[in-house]
């Protein structure tokens, strides 16, 4: 099967107090469009963990100490030609120095019989 990838699903974890700002940024940059609908996102509560290194500049927590943070995992679709600009806007508004971003290619349902 030969796939032509036109869309991706992007996942990112965000501190709960910053979700609306990041959602607005990525959707205003062109993500979250499904047919005739815009700002299509979903989010799930999650618990993030990390240990900032000696050279990190953590938004939350202390260097060399395990942190537990209540976050939301925000997910949304994005046309392949808008991914770079959407990720750029995401990084501008996301408070973390190194946000965890997953980009998953999507197969259009028309490829399945």
Protein backbone atom coordinates (compact mmCIF):
# COMPACT_ATOMS: atom_id res chain seq x y z
CA UNK A 1 0.00 0.00 0.00
CA UNK A 2 1.30 3.44 -0.94
CA UNK A 3 0.25 6.16 1.50
CA UNK A 4 0.13 9.86 0.86
CA UNK A 5 0.26 11.57 4.27
CA UNK A 6 -1.74 14.81 4.26
CA UNK A 7 -2.38 15.22 7.98
CA UNK A 8 -0.69 14.53 11.30
CA UNK A 9 -1.91 14.29 14.87
CA UNK A 10 0.11 16.39 17.30
CA UNK A 11 0.20 15.64 21.02
CA UNK A 12 1.75 17.92 23.64
CA UNK A 13 1.62 17.99 27.43
CA UNK A 14 1.07 21.37 29.05
CA UNK A 15 0.65 22.63 32.62
CA UNK A 16 -3.11 23.04 33.11
CA UNK A 17 -2.92 26.81 33.59
CA UNK A 18 -1.34 27.23 30.12
CA UNK A 19 -3.62 25.01 28.01
CA UNK A 20 -5.94 27.74 26.69
CA UNK A 21 -3.03 29.91 25.55
CA UNK A 22 -1.34 27.05 23.68
CA UNK A 23 -4.66 25.83 22.19
CA UNK A 24 -5.39 29.32 20.87
CA UNK A 25 -1.90 29.66 19.41
CA UNK A 26 -1.90 26.36 17.51
CA UNK A 27 -5.47 26.75 16.26
CA UNK A 28 -4.87 30.33 15.15
CA UNK A 29 -1.83 29.00 13.25
CA UNK A 30 -4.08 26.60 11.32
CA UNK A 31 -4.25 23.40 13.38
CA UNK A 32 -7.44 21.80 14.67
CA UNK A 33 -9.44 21.94 11.44
CA UNK A 34 -11.76 19.01 10.70
CA UNK A 35 -14.03 19.61 7.72
CA UNK A 36 -16.10 22.71 8.40
CA UNK A 37 -15.02 22.89 12.07
CA UNK A 38 -12.12 24.82 13.59
CA UNK A 39 -10.48 24.75 17.03
CA UNK A 40 -11.02 20.97 17.17
CA UNK A 41 -8.89 19.66 20.03
CA UNK A 42 -9.19 17.19 22.83
CA UNK A 43 -7.37 17.03 26.11
CA UNK A 44 -6.77 14.46 28.81
CA UNK A 45 -5.58 15.04 32.36
CA UNK A 46 -2.17 13.54 32.98
CA UNK A 47 0.65 13.51 35.50
CA UNK A 48 4.02 14.50 34.08
CA UNK A 49 7.37 13.70 35.68
CA UNK A 50 10.87 14.99 35.01
CA UNK A 51 14.21 15.81 36.61
CA UNK A 52 15.80 19.07 35.40
CA UNK A 53 19.58 18.83 34.91
CA UNK A 54 22.17 21.19 36.39
CA UNK A 55 22.08 23.30 33.23
CA UNK A 56 18.29 23.33 32.76
CA UNK A 57 16.15 26.39 33.34
CA UNK A 58 12.92 24.76 34.60
CA UNK A 59 9.60 26.60 34.42
CA UNK A 60 8.38 24.35 37.25
CA UNK A 61 10.48 22.54 39.83
CA UNK A 62 14.06 22.45 40.97
CA UNK A 63 17.24 21.22 39.32
CA UNK A 64 18.16 17.59 40.04
CA UNK A 65 14.86 16.91 41.83
CA UNK A 66 12.08 14.63 40.55
CA UNK A 67 8.99 16.71 39.85
CA UNK A 68 5.37 15.63 39.45
CA UNK A 69 3.18 18.08 37.54
CA UNK A 70 -0.54 17.96 36.82
CA UNK A 71 -0.75 18.51 33.09
CA UNK A 72 -3.14 18.16 30.21
CA UNK A 73 -2.25 16.27 27.06
CA UNK A 74 -3.60 18.40 24.21
CA UNK A 75 -4.08 16.72 20.84
CA UNK A 76 -5.17 18.07 17.49
CA UNK A 77 -4.90 17.37 13.77
CA UNK A 78 -2.84 19.48 11.43
CA UNK A 79 -2.37 19.63 7.65
CA UNK A 80 1.14 18.55 6.74
CA UNK A 81 1.94 21.89 5.10
CA UNK A 82 1.17 23.78 8.33
CA UNK A 83 3.09 21.59 10.79
CA UNK A 84 6.25 23.73 10.91
CA UNK A 85 4.37 26.99 11.58
CA UNK A 86 2.05 25.33 14.11
CA UNK A 87 5.00 23.85 16.04
CA UNK A 88 6.72 27.24 15.96
CA UNK A 89 3.67 28.90 17.55
CA UNK A 90 3.36 26.04 20.03
CA UNK A 91 6.95 26.54 21.18
CA UNK A 92 6.47 30.33 21.46
CA UNK A 93 3.53 29.95 23.85
CA UNK A 94 4.45 26.76 25.72
CA UNK A 95 6.06 27.59 29.07
CA UNK A 96 8.45 24.61 29.15
CA UNK A 97 12.03 24.92 28.00
CA UNK A 98 11.69 21.50 26.27
CA UNK A 99 8.02 20.63 25.61
CA UNK A 100 7.26 16.98 24.84
CA UNK A 101 5.77 17.04 21.33
CA UNK A 102 4.67 13.93 19.41
CA UNK A 103 3.83 14.14 15.70
CA UNK A 104 2.03 11.10 14.30
CA UNK A 105 1.31 10.71 10.55
CA UNK A 106 -2.35 9.96 9.79
CA UNK A 107 -3.69 7.73 7.05
CA UNK A 108 -6.88 9.02 5.42
CA UNK A 109 -9.78 6.62 5.79
CA UNK A 110 -10.27 6.62 1.99
CA UNK A 111 -7.20 4.34 1.74
CA UNK A 112 -9.08 1.52 3.46
CA UNK A 113 -11.50 -0.71 1.62
